[in-house]
Amino acid sequence: MAIWKLRSKRKVSGGRYHTSHKKKARHIGRDPVLTRVASKIKTRILSGRGGNEKVSLRGTNVANLMINGKAKKTKIERVVENTASRHFVRQNVISKGAVIETPDGLARVTSRPTQDGIVNAILIKKK
């Protein structure tokens, strides 16, 4: 079944909105992609409107970590906290705002791995 990125047909009160146009192909959404901590980097290239391409990160074990204004590539050990869903911690799903454990300490993810194709993080607590 397709995912539609349209307004609901029902109002909060239960009344009905009357549509001014039919469904269009541009309103179709995708299933969510959950970027996980994996043994190697897995990416997929998605095609968008107008011939644009998007790199979607499916799995990774490295992150670009900012420590005192300097970038460093480091290993991701596990997900400690995720504000998107408490179940994502158990599944090791990385999303924006997730707190990951690295050899340098705890870091918060600032990028959107599914949209950007990379994990950028800022150190929040040293080991």
PDB file of N, CA and C in Angstrom:
ATOM      1  N   MET A   1       0.837  -1.178   0.000  1.00  0.00           N
ATOM      2  CA  MET A   1       0.000   0.000   0.000  1.00  0.00           C
ATOM      3  C   MET A   1       0.884   1.245   0.000  1.00  0.00           C
ATOM      4  N   ALA A   2       0.539   2.215  -0.792  1.00  0.00           N
ATOM      5  CA  ALA A   2       1.361   3.416  -0.945  1.00  0.00           C
ATOM      6  C   ALA A   2       1.208   4.346   0.253  1.00  0.00           C
ATOM      7  N   ILE A   3       2.258   5.117   0.521  1.00  0.00           N
ATOM      8  CA  ILE A   3       2.250   6.127   1.568  1.00  0.00           C
ATOM      9  C   ILE A   3       2.010   7.469   0.888  1.00  0.00           C
ATOM     10  N   TRP A   4       1.000   8.209   1.350  1.00  0.00           N
ATOM     11  CA  TRP A   4       0.666   9.492   0.753  1.00  0.00           C
ATOM     12  C   TRP A   4       1.030  10.615   1.692  1.00  0.00           C
ATOM     13  N   LYS A   5       1.664  11.663   1.139  1.00  0.00           N
ATOM     14  CA  LYS A   5       2.048  12.829   1.922  1.00  0.00           C
ATOM     15  C   LYS A   5       1.034  13.943   1.691  1.00  0.00           C
ATOM     16  N   LEU A   6      -0.210  13.644   1.960  1.00  0.00           N
ATOM     17  CA  LEU A   6      -1.286  14.615   1.791  1.00  0.00           C
ATOM     18  C   LEU A   6      -1.933  14.910   3.141  1.00  0.00           C
ATOM     19  N   ARG A   7      -2.697  16.000   3.181  1.00  0.00           N
ATOM     20  CA  ARG A   7      -3.469  16.326   4.372  1.00  0.00           C
ATOM     21  C   ARG A   7      -4.549  15.259   4.579  1.00  0.00           C
ATOM     22  N   SER A   8      -4.924  15.022   5.809  1.00  0.00           N
ATOM     23  CA  SER A   8      -5.975  14.056   6.114  1.00  0.00           C
ATOM     24  C   SER A   8      -7.302  14.506   5.509  1.00  0.00           C
ATOM     25  N   LYS A   9      -8.168  13.559   5.194  1.00  0.00           N
ATOM     26  CA  LYS A   9      -9.485  13.900   4.646  1.00  0.00           C
ATOM     27  C   LYS A   9     -10.448  14.365   5.735  1.00  0.00           C
ATOM     28  N   ARG A  10     -10.062  14.109   6.993  1.00  0.00           N
ATOM     29  CA  ARG A  10     -10.940  14.443   8.108  1.00  0.00           C
ATOM     30  C   ARG A  10     -10.384  15.594   8.951  1.00  0.00           C
ATOM     31  N   LYS A  11     -11.264  16.436   9.427  1.00  0.00           N
ATOM     32  CA  LYS A  11     -10.897  17.509  10.339  1.00  0.00           C
ATOM     33  C   LYS A  11     -10.760  16.947  11.749  1.00  0.00           C
ATOM     34  N   VAL A  12     -10.260  17.765  12.680  1.00  0.00           N
ATOM     35  CA  VAL A  12     -10.128  17.345  14.066  1.00  0.00           C
ATOM     36  C   VAL A  12     -11.500  17.042  14.650  1.00  0.00           C
ATOM     37  N   SER A  13     -12.502  17.794  14.223  1.00  0.00           N
ATOM     38  CA  SER A  13     -13.860  17.616  14.734  1.00  0.00           C
ATOM     39  C   SER A  13     -14.554  16.390  14.139  1.00  0.00           C
ATOM     40  N   GLY A  14     -13.958  15.786  13.110  1.00  0.00           N
ATOM     41  CA  GLY A  14     -14.579  14.628  12.464  1.00  0.00           C
ATOM     42  C   GLY A  14     -15.248  14.994  11.151  1.00  0.00           C
ATOM     43  N   GLY A  15     -15.356  16.310  10.884  1.00  0.00           N
ATOM     44  CA  GLY A  15     -15.926  16.748   9.613  1.00  0.00           C
ATOM     45  C   GLY A  15     -14.998  16.406   8.457  1.00  0.00           C
ATOM     46  N   ARG A  16     -15.472  16.638   7.242  1.00  0.00           N
ATOM     47  CA  ARG A  16     -14.709  16.229   6.084  1.00  0.00           C
ATOM     48  C   ARG A  16     -14.185  17.428   5.290  1.00  0.00           C
ATOM     49  N   TYR A  17     -12.917  17.342   4.852  1.00  0.00           N
ATOM     50  CA  TYR A  17     -12.382  18.323   3.914  1.00  0.00           C
ATOM     51  C   TYR A  17     -12.771  17.862   2.509  1.00  0.00           C
ATOM     52  N   HIS A  18     -13.155  18.783   1.648  1.00  0.00           N
ATOM     53  CA  HIS A  18     -13.451  18.446   0.259  1.00  0.00           C
ATOM     54  C   HIS A  18     -12.230  18.794  -0.575  1.00  0.00           C
ATOM     55  N   THR A  19     -11.718  17.828  -1.320  1.00  0.00           N
ATOM     56  CA  THR A  19     -10.478  18.026  -2.071  1.00  0.00           C
ATOM     57  C   THR A  19     -10.719  18.845  -3.326  1.00  0.00           C
ATOM     58  N   SER A  20      -9.701  19.642  -3.674  1.00  0.00           N
ATOM     59  CA  SER A  20      -9.791  20.456  -4.878  1.00  0.00           C
ATOM     60  C   SER A  20      -9.059  19.811  -6.048  1.00  0.00           C
ATOM     61  N   HIS A  21      -8.328  18.734  -5.784  1.00  0.00           N
ATOM     62  CA  HIS A  21      -7.618  18.030  -6.855  1.00  0.00           C
ATOM     63  C   HIS A  21      -7.468  16.561  -6.482  1.00  0.00           C
ATOM     64  N   LYS A  22      -7.151  15.763  -7.476  1.00  0.00           N
ATOM     65  CA  LYS A  22      -6.957  14.327  -7.251  1.00  0.00           C
ATOM     66  C   LYS A  22      -5.545  14.058  -6.756  1.00  0.00           C
ATOM     67  N   LYS A  23      -5.286  12.788  -6.438  1.00  0.00           N
ATOM     68  CA  LYS A  23      -3.941  12.389  -6.018  1.00  0.00           C
ATOM     69  C   LYS A  23      -2.991  12.507  -7.201  1.00  0.00           C
ATOM     70  N   LYS A  24      -1.764  12.914  -6.908  1.00  0.00           N
ATOM     71  CA  LYS A  24      -0.730  13.052  -7.936  1.00  0.00           C
ATOM     72  C   LYS A  24       0.448  12.158  -7.568  1.00  0.00           C
ATOM     73  N   ALA A  25       1.245  11.809  -8.544  1.00  0.00           N
ATOM     74  CA  ALA A  25       2.402  10.943  -8.307  1.00  0.00           C
ATOM     75  C   ALA A  25       3.410  11.617  -7.385  1.00  0.00           C
ATOM     76  N   ARG A  26       3.474  12.945  -7.394  1.00  0.00           N
ATOM     77  CA  ARG A  26       4.438  13.648  -6.551  1.00  0.00           C
ATOM     78  C   ARG A  26       4.081  13.585  -5.065  1.00  0.00           C
ATOM     79  N   HIS A  27       2.873  13.142  -4.744  1.00  0.00           N
ATOM     80  CA  HIS A  27       2.449  13.037  -3.363  1.00  0.00           C
ATOM     81  C   HIS A  27       2.751  11.680  -2.737  1.00  0.00           C
ATOM     82  N   ILE A  28       3.346  10.773  -3.512  1.00  0.00           N
ATOM     83  CA  ILE A  28       3.676   9.455  -2.981  1.00  0.00           C
ATOM     84  C   ILE A  28       4.932   9.562  -2.120  1.00  0.00           C
ATOM     85  N   GLY A  29       4.905   8.947  -0.956  1.00  0.00           N
ATOM     86  CA  GLY A  29       6.052   8.930  -0.061  1.00  0.00           C
ATOM     87  C   GLY A  29       6.768   7.591  -0.142  1.00  0.00           C
ATOM     88  N   ARG A  30       7.809   7.430   0.678  1.00  0.00           N
ATOM     89  CA  ARG A  30       8.562   6.173   0.734  1.00  0.00           C
ATOM     90  C   ARG A  30       8.427   5.554   2.115  1.00  0.00           C
ATOM     91  N   ASP A  31       8.719   4.262   2.183  1.00  0.00           N
ATOM     92  CA  ASP A  31       8.808   3.616   3.482  1.00  0.00           C
ATOM     93  C   ASP A  31      10.006   4.198   4.220  1.00  0.00           C
ATOM     94  N   PRO A  32       9.950   4.303   5.560  1.00  0.00           N
ATOM     95  CA  PRO A  32      11.084   4.864   6.288  1.00  0.00           C
ATOM     96  C   PRO A  32      12.309   3.962   6.200  1.00  0.00           C
ATOM     97  N   VAL A  33      13.477   4.582   6.088  1.00  0.00           N
ATOM     98  CA  VAL A  33      14.745   3.857   6.071  1.00  0.00           C
ATOM     99  C   VAL A  33      15.377   4.031   7.443  1.00  0.00           C
ATOM    100  N   LEU A  34      15.738   2.935   8.071  1.00  0.00           N
ATOM    101  CA  LEU A  34      16.332   2.999   9.401  1.00  0.00           C
ATOM    102  C   LEU A  34      17.826   2.709   9.291  1.00  0.00           C
ATOM    103  N   THR A  35      18.652   3.728   9.490  1.00  0.00           N
ATOM    104  CA  THR A  35      20.103   3.573   9.442  1.00  0.00           C
ATOM    105  C   THR A  35      20.557   2.893  10.723  1.00  0.00           C
ATOM    106  N   ARG A  36      21.231   1.767  10.576  1.00  0.00           N
ATOM    107  CA  ARG A  36      21.641   0.982  11.739  1.00  0.00           C
ATOM    108  C   ARG A  36      23.162   0.957  11.879  1.00  0.00           C
ATOM    109  N   VAL A  37      23.623   0.592  13.074  1.00  0.00           N
ATOM    110  CA  VAL A  37      25.043   0.352  13.292  1.00  0.00           C
ATOM    111  C   VAL A  37      25.346  -1.010  12.673  1.00  0.00           C
ATOM    112  N   ALA A  38      26.247  -1.032  11.677  1.00  0.00           N
ATOM    113  CA  ALA A  38      26.560  -2.258  10.945  1.00  0.00           C
ATOM    114  C   ALA A  38      28.070  -2.451  10.894  1.00  0.00           C
ATOM    115  N   SER A  39      28.485  -3.595  10.393  1.00  0.00           N
ATOM    116  CA  SER A  39      29.921  -3.890  10.331  1.00  0.00           C
ATOM    117  C   SER A  39      30.614  -3.150   9.193  1.00  0.00           C
ATOM    118  N   LYS A  40      29.874  -2.806   8.129  1.00  0.00           N
ATOM    119  CA  LYS A  40      30.452  -2.029   7.028  1.00  0.00           C
ATOM    120  C   LYS A  40      29.432  -1.015   6.526  1.00  0.00           C
ATOM    121  N   ILE A  41      29.906  -0.045   5.744  1.00  0.00           N
ATOM    122  CA  ILE A  41      29.044   1.032   5.261  1.00  0.00           C
ATOM    123  C   ILE A  41      28.192   0.524   4.094  1.00  0.00           C
ATOM    124  N   LYS A  42      26.866   0.736   4.212  1.00  0.00           N
ATOM    125  CA  LYS A  42      25.936   0.352   3.152  1.00  0.00           C
ATOM    126  C   LYS A  42      25.150   1.586   2.740  1.00  0.00           C
ATOM    127  N   THR A  43      25.184   1.918   1.453  1.00  0.00           N
ATOM    128  CA  THR A  43      24.435   3.068   0.953  1.00  0.00           C
ATOM    129  C   THR A  43      23.537   2.642  -0.200  1.00  0.00           C
ATOM    130  N   ARG A  44      22.561   3.479  -0.498  1.00  0.00           N
ATOM    131  CA  ARG A  44      21.698   3.264  -1.642  1.00  0.00           C
ATOM    132  C   ARG A  44      21.411   4.627  -2.257  1.00  0.00           C
ATOM    133  N   ILE A  45      21.436   4.712  -3.572  1.00  0.00           N
ATOM    134  CA  ILE A  45      21.156   5.966  -4.262  1.00  0.00           C
ATOM    135  C   ILE A  45      19.689   5.968  -4.672  1.00  0.00           C
ATOM    136  N   LEU A  46      18.959   7.010  -4.232  1.00  0.00           N
ATOM    137  CA  LEU A  46      17.540   7.145  -4.534  1.00  0.00           C
ATOM    138  C   LEU A  46      17.362   8.254  -5.557  1.00  0.00           C
ATOM    139  N   SER A  47      16.440   8.057  -6.481  1.00  0.00           N
ATOM    140  CA  SER A  47      16.177   9.092  -7.483  1.00  0.00           C
ATOM    141  C   SER A  47      15.033   9.971  -7.000  1.00  0.00           C
ATOM    142  N   GLY A  48      15.154  11.259  -7.267  1.00  0.00           N
ATOM    143  CA  GLY A  48      14.146  12.220  -6.843  1.00  0.00           C
ATOM    144  C   GLY A  48      13.566  12.959  -8.033  1.00  0.00           C
ATOM    145  N   ARG A  49      12.718  13.922  -7.752  1.00  0.00           N
ATOM    146  CA  ARG A  49      12.092  14.705  -8.820  1.00  0.00           C
ATOM    147  C   ARG A  49      13.132  15.596  -9.502  1.00  0.00           C
ATOM    148  N   GLY A  50      12.998  15.767 -10.779  1.00  0.00           N
ATOM    149  CA  GLY A  50      13.888  16.638 -11.539  1.00  0.00           C
ATOM    150  C   GLY A  50      15.243  16.026 -11.811  1.00  0.00           C
ATOM    151  N   GLY A  51      15.364  14.701 -11.704  1.00  0.00           N
ATOM    152  CA  GLY A  51      16.636  14.038 -11.974  1.00  0.00           C
ATOM    153  C   GLY A  51      17.627  14.114 -10.828  1.00  0.00           C
ATOM    154  N   ASN A  52      17.188  14.608  -9.679  1.00  0.00           N
ATOM    155  CA  ASN A  52      18.077  14.696  -8.523  1.00  0.00           C
ATOM    156  C   ASN A  52      18.302  13.325  -7.906  1.00  0.00           C
ATOM    157  N   GLU A  53      19.452  13.171  -7.258  1.00  0.00           N
ATOM    158  CA  GLU A  53      19.774  11.918  -6.579  1.00  0.00           C
ATOM    159  C   GLU A  53      20.052  12.185  -5.111  1.00  0.00           C
ATOM    160  N   LYS A  54      19.692  11.210  -4.289  1.00  0.00           N
ATOM    161  CA  LYS A  54      19.899  11.317  -2.849  1.00  0.00           C
ATOM    162  C   LYS A  54      20.616  10.054  -2.394  1.00  0.00           C
ATOM    163  N   VAL A  55      21.676  10.224  -1.605  1.00  0.00           N
ATOM    164  CA  VAL A  55      22.404   9.081  -1.061  1.00  0.00           C
ATOM    165  C   VAL A  55      21.786   8.747   0.292  1.00  0.00           C
ATOM    166  N   SER A  56      21.274   7.540   0.414  1.00  0.00           N
ATOM    167  CA  SER A  56      20.644   7.101   1.646  1.00  0.00           C
ATOM    168  C   SER A  56      21.554   6.103   2.341  1.00  0.00           C
ATOM    169  N   LEU A  57      21.857   6.350   3.595  1.00  0.00           N
ATOM    170  CA  LEU A  57      22.746   5.489   4.368  1.00  0.00           C
ATOM    171  C   LEU A  57      21.910   4.417   5.057  1.00  0.00           C
ATOM    172  N   ARG A  58      22.197   3.142   4.760  1.00  0.00           N
ATOM    173  CA  ARG A  58      21.441   2.033   5.349  1.00  0.00           C
ATOM    174  C   ARG A  58      22.127   1.472   6.592  1.00  0.00           C
ATOM    175  N   GLY A  59      23.451   1.444   6.583  1.00  0.00           N
ATOM    176  CA  GLY A  59      24.197   0.934   7.720  1.00  0.00           C
ATOM    177  C   GLY A  59      25.588   1.537   7.735  1.00  0.00           C
ATOM    178  N   THR A  60      26.145   1.749   8.920  1.00  0.00           N
ATOM    179  CA  THR A  60      27.477   2.336   9.036  1.00  0.00           C
ATOM    180  C   THR A  60      28.100   1.977  10.381  1.00  0.00           C
ATOM    181  N   ASN A  61      29.414   2.123  10.451  1.00  0.00           N
ATOM    182  CA  ASN A  61      30.117   1.926  11.723  1.00  0.00           C
ATOM    183  C   ASN A  61      31.092   3.070  11.995  1.00  0.00           C
ATOM    184  N   VAL A  62      31.042   4.145  11.182  1.00  0.00           N
ATOM    185  CA  VAL A  62      31.913   5.302  11.380  1.00  0.00           C
ATOM    186  C   VAL A  62      31.098   6.592  11.425  1.00  0.00           C
ATOM    187  N   ALA A  63      31.647   7.584  12.138  1.00  0.00           N
ATOM    188  CA  ALA A  63      31.019   8.896  12.225  1.00  0.00           C
ATOM    189  C   ALA A  63      32.101   9.958  12.172  1.00  0.00           C
ATOM    190  N   ASN A  64      31.760  11.133  11.642  1.00  0.00           N
ATOM    191  CA  ASN A  64      32.646  12.292  11.677  1.00  0.00           C
ATOM    192  C   ASN A  64      32.353  13.032  12.980  1.00  0.00           C
ATOM    193  N   LEU A  65      33.314  13.022  13.881  1.00  0.00           N
ATOM    194  CA  LEU A  65      33.118  13.565  15.220  1.00  0.00           C
ATOM    195  C   LEU A  65      33.839  14.901  15.362  1.00  0.00           C
ATOM    196  N   MET A  66      33.109  15.912  15.828  1.00  0.00           N
ATOM    197  CA  MET A  66      33.697  17.224  16.084  1.00  0.00           C
ATOM    198  C   MET A  66      34.116  17.305  17.554  1.00  0.00           C
ATOM    199  N   ILE A  67      35.438  17.506  17.772  1.00  0.00           N
ATOM    200  CA  ILE A  67      35.973  17.646  19.117  1.00  0.00           C
ATOM    201  C   ILE A  67      36.713  18.975  19.179  1.00  0.00           C
ATOM    202  N   ASN A  68      36.178  19.922  19.936  1.00  0.00           N
ATOM    203  CA  ASN A  68      36.770  21.264  20.082  1.00  0.00           C
ATOM    204  C   ASN A  68      37.026  21.929  18.728  1.00  0.00           C
ATOM    205  N   GLY A  69      36.084  21.828  17.820  1.00  0.00           N
ATOM    206  CA  GLY A  69      36.197  22.472  16.514  1.00  0.00           C
ATOM    207  C   GLY A  69      37.019  21.715  15.493  1.00  0.00           C
ATOM    208  N   LYS A  70      37.516  20.534  15.822  1.00  0.00           N
ATOM    209  CA  LYS A  70      38.303  19.731  14.878  1.00  0.00           C
ATOM    210  C   LYS A  70      37.556  18.443  14.570  1.00  0.00           C
ATOM    211  N   ALA A  71      37.542  18.083  13.296  1.00  0.00           N
ATOM    212  CA  ALA A  71      36.839  16.874  12.864  1.00  0.00           C
ATOM    213  C   ALA A  71      37.746  15.657  12.945  1.00  0.00           C
ATOM    214  N   LYS A  72      37.146  14.539  13.321  1.00  0.00           N
ATOM    215  CA  LYS A  72      37.893  13.286  13.440  1.00  0.00           C
ATOM    216  C   LYS A  72      36.955  12.138  13.073  1.00  0.00           C
ATOM    217  N   LYS A  73      37.447  11.217  12.273  1.00  0.00           N
ATOM    218  CA  LYS A  73      36.648  10.046  11.919  1.00  0.00           C
ATOM    219  C   LYS A  73      36.809   9.007  13.025  1.00  0.00           C
ATOM    220  N   THR A  74      35.697   8.527  13.562  1.00  0.00           N
ATOM    221  CA  THR A  74      35.750   7.598  14.688  1.00  0.00           C
ATOM    222  C   THR A  74      34.746   6.464  14.501  1.00  0.00           C
ATOM    223  N   LYS A  75      34.901   5.422  15.278  1.00  0.00           N
ATOM    224  CA  LYS A  75      34.066   4.232  15.191  1.00  0.00           C
ATOM    225  C   LYS A  75      32.831   4.402  16.080  1.00  0.00           C
ATOM    226  N   ILE A  76      31.690   3.923  15.582  1.00  0.00           N
ATOM    227  CA  ILE A  76      30.461   3.919  16.377  1.00  0.00           C
ATOM    228  C   ILE A  76      30.352   2.562  17.055  1.00  0.00           C
ATOM    229  N   GLU A  77      30.212   2.568  18.383  1.00  0.00           N
ATOM    230  CA  GLU A  77      30.090   1.311  19.118  1.00  0.00           C
ATOM    231  C   GLU A  77      28.638   0.889  19.275  1.00  0.00           C
ATOM    232  N   ARG A  78      27.772   1.833  19.699  1.00  0.00           N
ATOM    233  CA  ARG A  78      26.354   1.520  19.862  1.00  0.00           C
ATOM    234  C   ARG A  78      25.555   2.804  20.041  1.00  0.00           C
ATOM    235  N   VAL A  79      24.229   2.659  19.995  1.00  0.00           N
ATOM    236  CA  VAL A  79      23.330   3.787  20.229  1.00  0.00           C
ATOM    237  C   VAL A  79      22.927   3.752  21.698  1.00  0.00           C
ATOM    238  N   VAL A  80      23.114   4.884  22.386  1.00  0.00           N
ATOM    239  CA  VAL A  80      22.818   4.968  23.813  1.00  0.00           C
ATOM    240  C   VAL A  80      21.424   5.527  24.055  1.00  0.00           C
ATOM    241  N   GLU A  81      21.042   6.535  23.262  1.00  0.00           N
ATOM    242  CA  GLU A  81      19.753   7.208  23.443  1.00  0.00           C
ATOM    243  C   GLU A  81      19.270   7.692  22.087  1.00  0.00           C
ATOM    244  N   ASN A  82      17.947   7.639  21.873  1.00  0.00           N
ATOM    245  CA  ASN A  82      17.380   8.142  20.626  1.00  0.00           C
ATOM    246  C   ASN A  82      16.045   8.797  20.935  1.00  0.00           C
ATOM    247  N   THR A  83      15.931  10.101  20.639  1.00  0.00           N
ATOM    248  CA  THR A  83      14.708  10.842  20.953  1.00  0.00           C
ATOM    249  C   THR A  83      13.571  10.508  20.003  1.00  0.00           C
ATOM    250  N   ALA A  84      13.876   9.944  18.840  1.00  0.00           N
ATOM    251  CA  ALA A  84      12.828   9.609  17.875  1.00  0.00           C
ATOM    252  C   ALA A  84      11.950   8.470  18.384  1.00  0.00           C
ATOM    253  N   SER A  85      12.564   7.463  19.006  1.00  0.00           N
ATOM    254  CA  SER A  85      11.811   6.334  19.544  1.00  0.00           C
ATOM    255  C   SER A  85      12.683   5.595  20.552  1.00  0.00           C
ATOM    256  N   ARG A  86      12.088   5.163  21.644  1.00  0.00           N
ATOM    257  CA  ARG A  86      12.866   4.435  22.650  1.00  0.00           C
ATOM    258  C   ARG A  86      13.233   3.044  22.158  1.00  0.00           C
ATOM    259  N   HIS A  87      12.492   2.522  21.167  1.00  0.00           N
ATOM    260  CA  HIS A  87      12.791   1.203  20.611  1.00  0.00           C
ATOM    261  C   HIS A  87      14.013   1.232  19.698  1.00  0.00           C
ATOM    262  N   PHE A  88      14.368   2.404  19.173  1.00  0.00           N
ATOM    263  CA  PHE A  88      15.528   2.525  18.289  1.00  0.00           C
ATOM    264  C   PHE A  88      16.838   2.240  19.022  1.00  0.00           C
ATOM    265  N   VAL A  89      16.869   2.427  20.332  1.00  0.00           N
ATOM    266  CA  VAL A  89      18.083   2.157  21.109  1.00  0.00           C
ATOM    267  C   VAL A  89      18.387   0.664  21.062  1.00  0.00           C
ATOM    268  N   ARG A  90      17.375  -0.139  21.271  1.00  0.00           N
ATOM    269  CA  ARG A  90      17.538  -1.594  21.268  1.00  0.00           C
ATOM    270  C   ARG A  90      17.915  -2.107  19.878  1.00  0.00           C
ATOM    271  N   GLN A  91      17.395  -1.444  18.836  1.00  0.00           N
ATOM    272  CA  GLN A  91      17.655  -1.864  17.456  1.00  0.00           C
ATOM    273  C   GLN A  91      18.914  -1.230  16.872  1.00  0.00           C
ATOM    274  N   ASN A  92      19.597  -0.348  17.620  1.00  0.00           N
ATOM    275  CA  ASN A  92      20.786   0.382  17.163  1.00  0.00           C
ATOM    276  C   ASN A  92      20.506   1.206  15.911  1.00  0.00           C
ATOM    277  N   VAL A  93      19.389   1.927  15.912  1.00  0.00           N
ATOM    278  CA  VAL A  93      19.008   2.788  14.793  1.00  0.00           C
ATOM    279  C   VAL A  93      19.544   4.189  15.045  1.00  0.00           C
ATOM    280  N   ILE A  94      20.237   4.736  14.036  1.00  0.00           N
ATOM    281  CA  ILE A  94      20.815   6.079  14.146  1.00  0.00           C
ATOM    282  C   ILE A  94      19.915   7.059  13.403  1.00  0.00           C
ATOM    283  N   SER A  95      19.484   8.112  14.088  1.00  0.00           N
ATOM    284  CA  SER A  95      18.740   9.190  13.449  1.00  0.00           C
ATOM    285  C   SER A  95      19.246  10.506  14.030  1.00  0.00           C
ATOM    286  N   LYS A  96      18.772  11.620  13.500  1.00  0.00           N
ATOM    287  CA  LYS A  96      19.223  12.924  13.984  1.00  0.00           C
ATOM    288  C   LYS A  96      18.827  13.077  15.454  1.00  0.00           C
ATOM    289  N   GLY A  97      19.765  13.519  16.272  1.00  0.00           N
ATOM    290  CA  GLY A  97      19.509  13.708  17.691  1.00  0.00           C
ATOM    291  C   GLY A  97      19.855  12.499  18.536  1.00  0.00           C
ATOM    292  N   ALA A  98      20.208  11.377  17.897  1.00  0.00           N
ATOM    293  CA  ALA A  98      20.556  10.177  18.657  1.00  0.00           C
ATOM    294  C   ALA A  98      21.902  10.362  19.348  1.00  0.00           C
ATOM    295  N   VAL A  99      22.052   9.766  20.511  1.00  0.00           N
ATOM    296  CA  VAL A  99      23.322   9.797  21.239  1.00  0.00           C
ATOM    297  C   VAL A  99      24.023   8.465  20.996  1.00  0.00           C
ATOM    298  N   ILE A 100      25.252   8.540  20.454  1.00  0.00           N
ATOM    299  CA  ILE A 100      26.008   7.333  20.131  1.00  0.00           C
ATOM    300  C   ILE A 100      27.233   7.239  21.026  1.00  0.00           C
ATOM    301  N   GLU A 101      27.690   6.014  21.239  1.00  0.00           N
ATOM    302  CA  GLU A 101      28.897   5.792  22.030  1.00  0.00           C
ATOM    303  C   GLU A 101      30.063   5.552  21.083  1.00  0.00           C
ATOM    304  N   THR A 102      31.155   6.293  21.301  1.00  0.00           N
ATOM    305  CA  THR A 102      32.369   6.165  20.504  1.00  0.00           C
ATOM    306  C   THR A 102      33.551   5.926  21.451  1.00  0.00           C
ATOM    307  N   PRO A 103      34.720   5.552  20.936  1.00  0.00           N
ATOM    308  CA  PRO A 103      35.891   5.410  21.809  1.00  0.00           C
ATOM    309  C   PRO A 103      36.289   6.705  22.509  1.00  0.00           C
ATOM    310  N   ASP A 104      35.909   7.864  21.931  1.00  0.00           N
ATOM    311  CA  ASP A 104      36.233   9.162  22.522  1.00  0.00           C
ATOM    312  C   ASP A 104      35.231   9.593  23.583  1.00  0.00           C
ATOM    313  N   GLY A 105      34.035   9.007  23.588  1.00  0.00           N
ATOM    314  CA  GLY A 105      32.986   9.377  24.537  1.00  0.00           C
ATOM    315  C   GLY A 105      31.628   9.392  23.858  1.00  0.00           C
ATOM    316  N   LEU A 106      30.656  10.019  24.516  1.00  0.00           N
ATOM    317  CA  LEU A 106      29.303  10.101  23.968  1.00  0.00           C
ATOM    318  C   LEU A 106      29.200  11.280  23.011  1.00  0.00           C
ATOM    319  N   ALA A 107      28.453  11.066  21.913  1.00  0.00           N
ATOM    320  CA  ALA A 107      28.303  12.112  20.895  1.00  0.00           C
ATOM    321  C   ALA A 107      26.862  12.151  20.423  1.00  0.00           C
ATOM    322  N   ARG A 108      26.393  13.364  20.054  1.00  0.00           N
ATOM    323  CA  ARG A 108      25.042  13.540  19.527  1.00  0.00           C
ATOM    324  C   ARG A 108      25.115  13.705  18.012  1.00  0.00           C
ATOM    325  N   VAL A 109      24.256  12.969  17.301  1.00  0.00           N
ATOM    326  CA  VAL A 109      24.219  13.013  15.831  1.00  0.00           C
ATOM    327  C   VAL A 109      23.538  14.294  15.390  1.00  0.00           C
ATOM    328  N   THR A 110      24.209  15.056  14.500  1.00  0.00           N
ATOM    329  CA  THR A 110      23.663  16.334  14.019  1.00  0.00           C
ATOM    330  C   THR A 110      23.185  16.258  12.574  1.00  0.00           C
ATOM    331  N   SER A 111      23.526  15.195  11.853  1.00  0.00           N
ATOM    332  CA  SER A 111      23.096  15.063  10.461  1.00  0.00           C
ATOM    333  C   SER A 111      21.919  14.094  10.380  1.00  0.00           C
ATOM    334  N   ARG A 112      21.305  14.029   9.201  1.00  0.00           N
ATOM    335  CA  ARG A 112      20.224  13.075   8.959  1.00  0.00           C
ATOM    336  C   ARG A 112      20.784  11.966   8.069  1.00  0.00           C
ATOM    337  N   PRO A 113      21.217  10.848   8.650  1.00  0.00           N
ATOM    338  CA  PRO A 113      21.909   9.809   7.876  1.00  0.00           C
ATOM    339  C   PRO A 113      21.101   9.284   6.688  1.00  0.00           C
ATOM    340  N   THR A 114      19.798   9.158   6.858  1.00  0.00           N
ATOM    341  CA  THR A 114      18.963   8.645   5.777  1.00  0.00           C
ATOM    342  C   THR A 114      18.902   9.623   4.615  1.00  0.00           C
ATOM    343  N   GLN A 115      18.979  10.917   4.891  1.00  0.00           N
ATOM    344  CA  GLN A 115      18.870  11.939   3.850  1.00  0.00           C
ATOM    345  C   GLN A 115      20.240  12.370   3.327  1.00  0.00           C
ATOM    346  N   ASP A 116      21.250  12.442   4.204  1.00  0.00           N
ATOM    347  CA  ASP A 116      22.548  12.988   3.843  1.00  0.00           C
ATOM    348  C   ASP A 116      23.562  11.939   3.408  1.00  0.00           C
ATOM    349  N   GLY A 117      23.401  10.700   3.865  1.00  0.00           N
ATOM    350  CA  GLY A 117      24.338   9.646   3.501  1.00  0.00           C
ATOM    351  C   GLY A 117      25.610   9.643   4.322  1.00  0.00           C
ATOM    352  N   ILE A 118      25.606  10.334   5.461  1.00  0.00           N
ATOM    353  CA  ILE A 118      26.795  10.429   6.313  1.00  0.00           C
ATOM    354  C   ILE A 118      26.342  10.693   7.749  1.00  0.00           C
ATOM    355  N   VAL A 119      27.178  10.302   8.714  1.00  0.00           N
ATOM    356  CA  VAL A 119      26.867  10.561  10.124  1.00  0.00           C
ATOM    357  C   VAL A 119      27.851  11.592  10.644  1.00  0.00           C
ATOM    358  N   ASN A 120      27.344  12.771  11.007  1.00  0.00           N
ATOM    359  CA  ASN A 120      28.133  13.817  11.649  1.00  0.00           C
ATOM    360  C   ASN A 120      27.666  13.913  13.093  1.00  0.00           C
ATOM    361  N   ALA A 121      28.613  14.080  14.020  1.00  0.00           N
ATOM    362  CA  ALA A 121      28.256  14.128  15.440  1.00  0.00           C
ATOM    363  C   ALA A 121      29.143  15.118  16.178  1.00  0.00           C
ATOM    364  N   ILE A 122      28.647  15.557  17.339  1.00  0.00           N
ATOM    365  CA  ILE A 122      29.373  16.472  18.203  1.00  0.00           C
ATOM    366  C   ILE A 122      29.581  15.787  19.552  1.00  0.00           C
ATOM    367  N   LEU A 123      30.802  15.834  20.052  1.00  0.00           N
ATOM    368  CA  LEU A 123      31.131  15.222  21.341  1.00  0.00           C
ATOM    369  C   LEU A 123      30.412  15.959  22.472  1.00  0.00           C
ATOM    370  N   ILE A 124      29.688  15.212  23.312  1.00  0.00           N
ATOM    371  CA  ILE A 124      28.977  15.853  24.427  1.00  0.00           C
ATOM    372  C   ILE A 124      29.537  15.444  25.782  1.00  0.00           C
ATOM    373  N   LYS A 125      30.205  14.285  25.836  1.00  0.00           N
ATOM    374  CA  LYS A 125      30.783  13.837  27.104  1.00  0.00           C
ATOM    375  C   LYS A 125      32.018  12.985  26.823  1.00  0.00           C
ATOM    376  N   LYS A 126      33.174  13.423  27.358  1.00  0.00           N
ATOM    377  CA  LYS A 126      34.415  12.677  27.154  1.00  0.00           C
ATOM    378  C   LYS A 126      34.441  11.432  28.011  1.00  0.00           C
ATOM    379  N   LYS A 127      35.208  10.445  27.552  1.00  0.00           N
ATOM    380  CA  LYS A 127      35.365   9.201  28.316  1.00  0.00           C
ATOM    381  C   LYS A 127      36.370   9.364  29.400  1.00  0.00           C
TER     382      LYS A 127
END
